Amino acid sequence: MNIPVSNPAPDSSFLREDMLGRGTIIVIDERNLVAECLARCVRTQRPRNRVMSYTSVLDCVTSAGDEHDEVLVLFSIGSNSASGEVFLDALEKLAESFPGTPIVVIADSEDATQILQSLDCGVRGYIPTSASMDVALEAMTLVEVGGTFIPASSLTSSRKSILNRPEGRAFALNETFTARQAAVIDALRQGKANKIIAYELNMRESTVKVHVRNIMKKLRAKNRTEVAYIANSHINASM
């Protein structure tokens, strides 16, 4: 079972038939065979789209045409981490080369932390390789019309991790947060994205990411969800 974070318009079949199927879908995987197989599957199911496959982000951004008609980027990383510097650099290059084009990550891992970190970096969809092709295609459609997709298993995993937290790891009352960090925590409690936090607090998005990392370290939280949960628990307990 998988869950969309936001839903497309009610008649998604109409959208798929009438609005989709135009523009280029980019497939990237460093394994040539996987890249070609994935591109062929997408091409079969989305015959009206132009589907291009590449074995590296660098090759993609230097070889892609100048028409800028890309509607989706499928970034397949296999068992690689979606939180390392290499991944972050790749996302930055893709975002610069295809501004406004949604990026969907396809990965082996279903770790909640990795998925949430991907979303923090601007990824609009995260499809685990355990998903069926039908689910992957529906996820692509959802993202293309403006939604966000993550596997429901990641939410379940994150919830279990939070509920099983030892009492000793509860909100650290002795920790000192700066005014800026406190403001970021409040924004995280409201589920706001880094871009929104940066805009509202008048700071760079990169600065927000640094604050989030420091907050997670102080609270010994694995991800943003746990930060919000810990903060809310502390506030509720103090009321």
Protein backbone atom coordinates (compact mmCIF):
# COMPACT_ATOMS: atom_id res chain seq x y z
CA MET A 1 0.00 0.00 0.00
CA ASN A 2 1.23 3.46 -0.90
CA ILE A 3 -0.02 6.89 -0.11
CA PRO A 4 -0.05 10.16 -2.02
CA VAL A 5 0.90 13.17 0.07
CA SER A 6 -1.34 15.33 -2.06
CA ASN A 7 -4.02 14.26 -4.48
CA PRO A 8 -4.48 15.15 -8.15
CA ALA A 9 -7.75 16.42 -9.54
CA PRO A 10 -10.64 13.96 -9.01
CA ASP A 11 -10.73 12.59 -12.57
CA SER A 12 -7.11 11.46 -12.88
CA SER A 13 -7.92 9.23 -15.87
CA PHE A 14 -9.07 12.29 -17.79
CA LEU A 15 -5.87 14.12 -16.86
CA ARG A 16 -3.78 11.20 -18.00
CA GLU A 17 -5.58 10.99 -21.33
CA ASP A 18 -5.96 14.67 -22.14
CA MET A 19 -3.20 16.58 -20.35
CA LEU A 20 -0.36 14.07 -19.99
CA GLY A 21 1.62 12.31 -22.68
CA ARG A 22 3.31 15.48 -23.88
CA GLY A 23 6.92 16.44 -23.28
CA THR A 24 10.05 14.51 -22.37
CA ILE A 25 10.51 12.08 -19.50
CA ILE A 26 14.15 11.70 -18.46
CA VAL A 27 15.41 8.43 -16.96
CA ILE A 28 18.78 8.33 -15.17
CA ASP A 29 20.52 5.25 -13.77
CA GLU A 30 24.26 4.62 -13.70
CA ARG A 31 23.57 1.01 -14.69
CA ASN A 32 23.03 1.09 -18.43
CA LEU A 33 20.84 -2.01 -18.60
CA VAL A 34 18.56 -0.75 -15.82
CA ALA A 35 18.32 2.68 -17.42
CA GLU A 36 17.35 1.20 -20.79
CA CYS A 37 14.85 -1.27 -19.28
CA LEU A 38 13.19 1.42 -17.18
CA ALA A 39 13.02 3.79 -20.16
CA ARG A 40 11.53 1.06 -22.34
CA CYS A 41 8.85 0.25 -19.75
CA VAL A 42 7.90 3.92 -19.42
CA ARG A 43 7.93 4.37 -23.20
CA THR A 44 5.56 1.41 -23.59
CA GLN A 45 3.08 2.79 -21.07
CA ARG A 46 3.47 6.44 -22.10
CA PRO A 47 3.81 6.23 -25.92
CA ARG A 48 3.00 9.90 -26.46
CA ASN A 49 5.96 10.96 -24.33
CA ARG A 50 9.52 11.24 -25.54
CA VAL A 51 11.60 9.13 -23.14
CA MET A 52 15.36 9.65 -22.88
CA SER A 53 17.73 7.52 -20.77
CA TYR A 54 21.15 8.45 -19.39
CA THR A 55 23.74 6.71 -17.22
CA SER A 56 24.83 9.81 -15.31
CA VAL A 57 23.48 13.19 -14.28
CA LEU A 58 26.42 14.90 -15.98
CA ASP A 59 25.70 13.12 -19.25
CA CYS A 60 22.04 14.05 -18.89
CA VAL A 61 22.52 17.78 -18.30
CA THR A 62 25.11 18.09 -21.09
CA SER A 63 23.22 16.01 -23.65
CA ALA A 64 19.63 17.12 -23.05
CA GLY A 65 18.15 19.32 -25.75
CA ASP A 66 17.52 23.03 -25.50
CA GLU A 67 13.75 22.75 -25.93
CA HIS A 68 13.19 22.45 -22.18
CA ASP A 69 10.00 20.43 -22.61
CA GLU A 70 10.86 18.00 -19.80
CA VAL A 71 7.84 17.05 -17.71
CA LEU A 72 9.47 14.55 -15.34
CA VAL A 73 12.90 13.32 -14.23
CA LEU A 74 13.17 9.76 -12.94
CA PHE A 75 16.40 9.51 -10.95
CA SER A 76 17.10 5.84 -10.18
CA ILE A 77 19.82 5.37 -7.55
CA GLY A 78 19.51 1.67 -6.72
CA SER A 79 21.08 0.89 -3.34
CA ASN A 80 22.95 4.20 -3.15
CA SER A 81 22.15 6.63 -0.36
CA ALA A 82 19.71 9.46 -0.95
CA SER A 83 21.37 11.60 1.71
CA GLY A 84 25.03 11.71 0.72
CA GLU A 85 26.89 14.60 -0.90
CA VAL A 86 26.98 12.87 -4.28
CA PHE A 87 23.18 12.59 -4.31
CA LEU A 88 22.70 16.17 -3.14
CA ASP A 89 25.09 17.49 -5.79
CA ALA A 90 23.26 15.49 -8.44
CA LEU A 91 19.91 16.93 -7.36
CA GLU A 92 21.33 20.43 -7.45
CA LYS A 93 22.59 19.94 -11.01
CA LEU A 94 19.22 18.55 -12.12
CA ALA A 95 17.31 21.40 -10.50
CA GLU A 96 19.54 23.96 -12.20
CA SER A 97 19.31 22.28 -15.60
CA PHE A 98 15.59 21.55 -15.51
CA PRO A 99 14.02 24.30 -13.38
CA GLY A 100 10.47 23.56 -12.37
CA THR A 101 10.61 19.96 -13.58
CA PRO A 102 9.53 17.52 -10.83
CA ILE A 103 12.10 14.91 -9.82
CA VAL A 104 11.13 11.40 -8.74
CA VAL A 105 13.67 9.18 -7.00
CA ILE A 106 13.58 5.41 -7.53
CA ALA A 107 15.56 3.54 -4.88
CA ASP A 108 15.93 0.18 -3.15
CA SER A 109 15.72 1.63 0.35
CA GLU A 110 12.39 2.29 2.06
CA ASP A 111 14.02 3.91 5.06
CA ALA A 112 11.82 6.74 6.34
CA THR A 113 14.79 8.98 7.13
CA GLN A 114 16.15 8.69 3.61
CA ILE A 115 12.74 9.38 2.09
CA LEU A 116 12.12 12.46 4.21
CA GLN A 117 15.59 13.80 3.49
CA SER A 118 14.88 13.40 -0.23
CA LEU A 119 11.68 15.40 0.13
CA ASP A 120 13.58 18.06 2.07
CA CYS A 121 15.90 18.37 -0.94
CA GLY A 122 13.00 19.09 -3.27
CA VAL A 123 12.23 15.60 -4.58
CA ARG A 124 8.53 15.31 -5.43
CA GLY A 125 8.24 11.54 -5.41
CA TYR A 126 10.01 8.53 -3.94
CA ILE A 127 9.27 5.14 -5.49
CA PRO A 128 10.82 2.04 -3.86
CA THR A 129 11.90 -0.72 -6.23
CA SER A 130 9.60 -3.08 -4.32
CA ALA A 131 6.63 -1.27 -5.90
CA SER A 132 4.88 -2.65 -8.95
CA MET A 133 5.09 -0.96 -12.34
CA ASP A 134 1.42 0.03 -12.05
CA VAL A 135 2.11 1.82 -8.76
CA ALA A 136 5.17 3.52 -10.24
CA LEU A 137 3.16 4.78 -13.21
CA GLU A 138 0.39 6.11 -10.97
CA ALA A 139 3.01 7.81 -8.80
CA MET A 140 4.50 9.45 -11.89
CA THR A 141 1.06 10.69 -12.92
CA LEU A 142 0.40 12.09 -9.46
CA VAL A 143 3.69 13.97 -9.40
CA GLU A 144 3.25 15.25 -12.94
CA VAL A 145 -0.07 16.89 -12.07
CA GLY A 146 1.34 18.55 -8.97
CA GLY A 147 1.16 15.93 -6.21
CA THR A 148 3.80 14.31 -4.04
CA PHE A 149 4.23 10.56 -3.62
CA ILE A 150 5.87 8.48 -0.88
CA PRO A 151 5.35 4.80 0.07
CA ALA A 152 3.01 4.25 3.01
CA SER A 153 5.50 1.76 4.47
CA SER A 154 7.86 4.65 5.24
CA LEU A 155 5.20 6.40 7.34
CA THR A 156 4.51 3.20 9.25
CA SER A 157 8.23 2.69 9.85
CA SER A 158 8.69 6.27 11.05
CA ARG A 159 5.70 6.02 13.39
CA LYS A 160 6.99 2.79 14.95
CA SER A 161 10.43 4.35 15.44
CA ILE A 162 8.90 7.31 17.25
CA LEU A 163 6.55 5.23 19.42
CA ASN A 164 9.39 2.88 20.41
CA ARG A 165 11.63 5.77 21.49
CA PRO A 166 13.04 5.12 24.98
CA GLU A 167 11.84 7.54 27.64
CA GLY A 168 15.42 8.69 28.12
CA ARG A 169 15.41 10.11 24.62
CA ALA A 170 12.45 12.37 25.20
CA PHE A 171 12.67 16.09 24.56
CA ALA A 172 15.90 17.34 26.09
CA LEU A 173 14.83 20.07 28.51
CA ASN A 174 18.39 21.12 29.19
CA GLU A 175 19.19 21.76 25.56
CA THR A 176 19.57 25.40 24.63
CA PHE A 177 18.18 26.57 21.32
CA THR A 178 18.82 29.92 19.71
CA ALA A 179 15.88 32.12 18.79
CA ARG A 180 16.33 31.13 15.16
CA GLN A 181 16.39 27.42 16.00
CA ALA A 182 13.27 27.82 18.12
CA ALA A 183 11.54 29.50 15.18
CA VAL A 184 12.61 26.66 12.88
CA ILE A 185 11.31 24.07 15.37
CA ASP A 186 7.96 25.87 15.47
CA ALA A 187 7.83 25.80 11.67
CA LEU A 188 8.70 22.08 11.61
CA ARG A 189 5.85 21.44 14.04
CA GLN A 190 3.55 22.97 11.43
CA GLY A 191 4.94 20.72 8.70
CA LYS A 192 6.42 23.56 6.66
CA ALA A 193 8.99 22.86 3.94
CA ASN A 194 12.48 24.35 4.01
CA LYS A 195 11.69 26.84 1.24
CA ILE A 196 8.69 28.19 3.14
CA ILE A 197 10.68 28.39 6.39
CA ALA A 198 13.47 30.26 4.60
CA TYR A 199 11.02 32.74 3.12
CA GLU A 200 9.13 33.36 6.35
CA LEU A 201 12.26 33.69 8.48
CA ASN A 202 14.16 35.68 5.86
CA MET A 203 17.12 33.32 5.61
CA ARG A 204 18.74 31.16 2.97
CA GLU A 205 17.39 27.66 2.44
CA SER A 206 20.90 26.30 3.02
CA THR A 207 20.87 28.01 6.44
CA VAL A 208 17.55 26.39 7.26
CA LYS A 209 19.04 22.99 6.43
CA VAL A 210 21.94 23.66 8.80
CA HIS A 211 19.53 24.63 11.58
CA VAL A 212 17.45 21.48 10.96
CA ARG A 213 20.55 19.28 11.15
CA ASN A 214 21.67 20.92 14.39
CA ILE A 215 18.20 20.60 15.91
CA MET A 216 18.02 16.93 14.96
CA LYS A 217 21.43 16.38 16.54
CA LYS A 218 20.44 18.08 19.79
CA LEU A 219 17.19 16.16 20.03
CA ARG A 220 18.77 12.95 18.76
CA ALA A 221 15.99 12.77 16.20
CA LYS A 222 16.32 10.76 13.01
CA ASN A 223 14.27 13.09 10.84
CA ARG A 224 11.99 16.13 10.73
CA THR A 225 8.96 14.05 11.68
CA GLU A 226 10.60 13.04 14.94
CA VAL A 227 11.59 16.64 15.66
CA ALA A 228 7.94 17.70 15.32
CA TYR A 229 6.77 14.77 17.42
CA ILE A 230 9.27 15.43 20.22
CA ALA A 231 8.53 19.16 20.25
CA ASN A 232 4.78 18.60 20.31
CA SER A 233 5.12 16.01 23.08
CA HIS A 234 7.12 18.46 25.20
CA ILE A 235 4.64 21.27 24.63
CA ASN A 236 1.65 19.05 25.44
CA ALA A 237 3.35 17.75 28.58
CA SER A 238 4.09 21.25 29.81
CA MET A 239 0.52 22.47 29.36
